[in-house]
Amino acid sequence: MNVYDFKATNMRGEEVSLDQYEGKTLLIVNTASKCGLTPQFSGLQELYDKFKDQNFEILGFPSNQFANQDPGSNEEISEFCQLNYGVSFPMFEKINVNGTDAHPLFKYLSEQAPGILGSKAIKWNFTKFLISPDGTPVKRYSPQTTPDKIEDDIRKQL
């Protein structure tokens, strides 16, 4: 099993099989529009612009599970990301990342790349998962790890 075995619904309500990203290095991020870390969208977009032509994708998954920091509709979230941060990487519909209702992809990522001290729970918005081109989770990054700090690890996967 790898990330290519999962499906997710994009912001337009279309089901997307993640196998369309097979062979690419991925950075999968749970996002929020009203979080102190929301400015990380700028750094994520910079990473995307730098590496998108080298088989790299960022997949954004909004979540409202942490302090109600993404309460808007999918349309509002999408518009916010584009207008405020110029986000052009794929964004998916709002999901849960923890608990019994967590999206299966995030259940898998949490199991395969646990956090500090082996914790599987995602602690906050902007937790990031680096995925190798074969679909295997390589590393989990804390919400406080800014996108620029991940650049060297991305280069190693490309």
Protein backbone atom coordinates (compact mmCIF):
# COMPACT_ATOMS: atom_id res chain seq x y z
CA MET A 1 0.00 0.00 0.00
CA ASN A 2 1.11 3.57 -0.73
CA VAL A 3 -0.45 7.01 -1.21
CA TYR A 4 -1.38 6.16 -4.79
CA ASP A 5 -3.99 3.71 -3.47
CA PHE A 6 -6.14 6.58 -2.12
CA LYS A 7 -8.71 8.91 -3.58
CA ALA A 8 -9.71 12.39 -2.47
CA THR A 9 -12.26 14.95 -3.58
CA ASN A 10 -10.92 18.19 -5.01
CA MET A 11 -12.36 21.65 -4.41
CA ARG A 12 -14.67 21.27 -7.41
CA GLY A 13 -16.25 18.15 -5.90
CA GLU A 14 -14.51 15.76 -8.28
CA GLU A 15 -13.07 12.51 -6.99
CA VAL A 16 -9.35 12.31 -7.77
CA SER A 17 -7.33 9.11 -7.69
CA LEU A 18 -3.94 9.92 -6.24
CA ASP A 19 -2.38 7.44 -8.65
CA GLN A 20 -2.34 10.33 -11.14
CA TYR A 21 0.66 11.62 -9.12
CA GLU A 22 2.58 8.36 -9.39
CA GLY A 23 6.29 8.94 -9.97
CA LYS A 24 6.20 12.42 -8.45
CA THR A 25 7.60 13.65 -5.17
CA LEU A 26 4.69 14.92 -3.09
CA LEU A 27 4.31 17.21 -0.12
CA ILE A 28 0.93 16.60 1.51
CA VAL A 29 -0.18 19.31 3.94
CA ASN A 30 -3.21 19.83 6.15
CA THR A 31 -4.00 23.54 5.90
CA ALA A 32 -6.17 26.21 7.53
CA SER A 33 -7.15 29.71 6.45
CA LYS A 34 -7.39 31.41 9.84
CA CYS A 35 -4.35 30.03 11.65
CA GLY A 36 -1.22 31.79 12.85
CA LEU A 37 0.65 29.49 10.46
CA THR A 38 -1.51 30.38 7.43
CA PRO A 39 1.27 32.58 5.97
CA GLN A 40 3.08 29.29 5.24
CA PHE A 41 0.92 29.20 2.11
CA SER A 42 3.41 31.72 0.64
CA GLY A 43 6.37 29.41 1.30
CA LEU A 44 4.47 26.40 0.00
CA GLN A 45 3.66 28.26 -3.21
CA GLU A 46 7.34 29.25 -3.56
CA LEU A 47 8.35 25.57 -3.22
CA TYR A 48 5.73 24.60 -5.77
CA ASP A 49 6.88 27.24 -8.24
CA LYS A 50 10.51 26.16 -7.79
CA PHE A 51 10.00 22.41 -8.25
CA LYS A 52 6.71 21.84 -10.12
CA ASP A 53 8.57 21.27 -13.39
CA GLN A 54 10.70 18.58 -11.73
CA ASN A 55 7.94 16.05 -10.95
CA PHE A 56 6.92 17.70 -7.68
CA GLU A 57 3.42 18.39 -6.39
CA ILE A 58 1.97 19.86 -3.24
CA LEU A 59 -1.45 18.58 -2.20
CA GLY A 60 -3.32 20.80 0.26
CA PHE A 61 -6.06 19.44 2.50
CA PRO A 62 -7.94 22.05 4.58
CA SER A 63 -9.10 20.93 8.00
CA ASN A 64 -11.26 22.66 10.58
CA GLN A 65 -10.30 20.28 13.41
CA PHE A 66 -7.96 22.64 15.21
CA ALA A 67 -9.62 25.57 17.02
CA ASN A 68 -12.18 26.07 14.22
CA GLN A 69 -9.52 27.72 12.03
CA ASP A 70 -11.00 26.82 8.66
CA PRO A 71 -14.77 27.24 9.05
CA GLY A 72 -15.49 28.39 5.49
CA SER A 73 -16.94 26.42 2.62
CA ASN A 74 -14.65 24.73 0.11
CA GLU A 75 -15.37 27.58 -2.31
CA GLU A 76 -14.48 30.23 0.32
CA ILE A 77 -11.27 28.39 1.24
CA SER A 78 -10.23 28.04 -2.40
CA GLU A 79 -10.90 31.72 -3.10
CA PHE A 80 -9.01 32.77 0.05
CA CYS A 81 -5.95 30.71 -0.92
CA GLN A 82 -5.87 32.05 -4.46
CA LEU A 83 -6.53 35.70 -3.63
CA ASN A 84 -4.27 36.00 -0.60
CA TYR A 85 -1.41 33.62 -1.45
CA GLY A 86 -1.67 32.88 -5.17
CA VAL A 87 -2.02 29.18 -4.45
CA SER A 88 -1.91 27.23 -7.70
CA PHE A 89 -1.09 23.76 -6.34
CA PRO A 90 -3.96 21.26 -5.99
CA MET A 91 -6.28 21.84 -3.05
CA PHE A 92 -8.79 19.28 -1.91
CA GLU A 93 -12.05 19.56 -0.02
CA LYS A 94 -12.03 20.12 3.72
CA ILE A 95 -11.45 16.92 5.69
CA ASN A 96 -10.77 15.59 9.17
CA VAL A 97 -7.18 14.51 9.76
CA ASN A 98 -7.64 12.87 13.18
CA GLY A 99 -10.19 10.61 14.83
CA THR A 100 -12.65 8.06 13.56
CA ASP A 101 -13.80 10.40 10.75
CA ALA A 102 -10.26 11.11 9.56
CA HIS A 103 -9.72 10.82 5.83
CA PRO A 104 -8.18 7.40 5.04
CA LEU A 105 -5.13 9.08 3.46
CA PHE A 106 -4.33 10.89 6.71
CA LYS A 107 -4.90 7.74 8.76
CA TYR A 108 -2.35 6.04 6.53
CA LEU A 109 0.15 8.94 6.65
CA SER A 110 -0.11 9.15 10.44
CA GLU A 111 0.58 5.43 10.76
CA GLN A 112 3.47 5.40 8.30
CA ALA A 113 5.18 8.59 9.47
CA PRO A 114 4.46 9.10 13.17
CA GLY A 115 5.38 12.31 14.89
CA ILE A 116 7.60 12.98 17.89
CA LEU A 117 7.79 10.10 20.36
CA GLY A 118 5.81 7.91 17.98
CA SER A 119 2.59 9.91 18.26
CA LYS A 120 0.29 9.17 15.35
CA ALA A 121 -2.09 12.09 15.92
CA ILE A 122 -1.63 15.20 13.85
CA LYS A 123 -1.01 17.97 16.36
CA TRP A 124 -2.00 21.08 14.40
CA ASN A 125 -2.54 22.75 11.04
CA PHE A 126 0.30 22.68 8.52
CA THR A 127 1.67 19.27 9.43
CA LYS A 128 3.52 18.19 6.29
CA PHE A 129 4.32 14.76 4.85
CA LEU A 130 7.04 14.26 2.23
CA ILE A 131 6.27 11.37 -0.12
CA SER A 132 8.84 9.66 -2.36
CA PRO A 133 8.13 9.10 -6.07
CA ASP A 134 7.18 5.48 -5.30
CA GLY A 135 4.38 6.71 -2.99
CA THR A 136 6.10 5.92 0.30
CA PRO A 137 5.96 8.46 3.14
CA VAL A 138 9.52 9.63 3.81
CA LYS A 139 9.14 12.13 6.64
CA ARG A 140 6.63 14.08 8.73
CA TYR A 141 7.32 17.75 9.48
CA SER A 142 5.88 19.65 12.40
CA PRO A 143 3.55 22.59 11.81
CA GLN A 144 6.35 24.96 12.84
CA THR A 145 8.71 23.63 10.16
CA THR A 146 8.55 26.28 7.48
CA PRO A 147 8.48 25.20 3.84
CA ASP A 148 11.97 26.56 3.13
CA LYS A 149 13.39 24.12 5.72
CA ILE A 150 12.05 21.19 3.66
CA GLU A 151 13.72 22.20 0.40
CA ASP A 152 16.86 20.05 0.79
CA ASP A 153 14.78 16.96 1.59
CA ILE A 154 12.65 17.60 -1.52
CA ARG A 155 15.77 17.90 -3.69
CA LYS A 156 16.94 14.48 -2.45
CA GLN A 157 13.66 12.90 -3.61
CA LEU A 158 13.61 14.51 -7.06
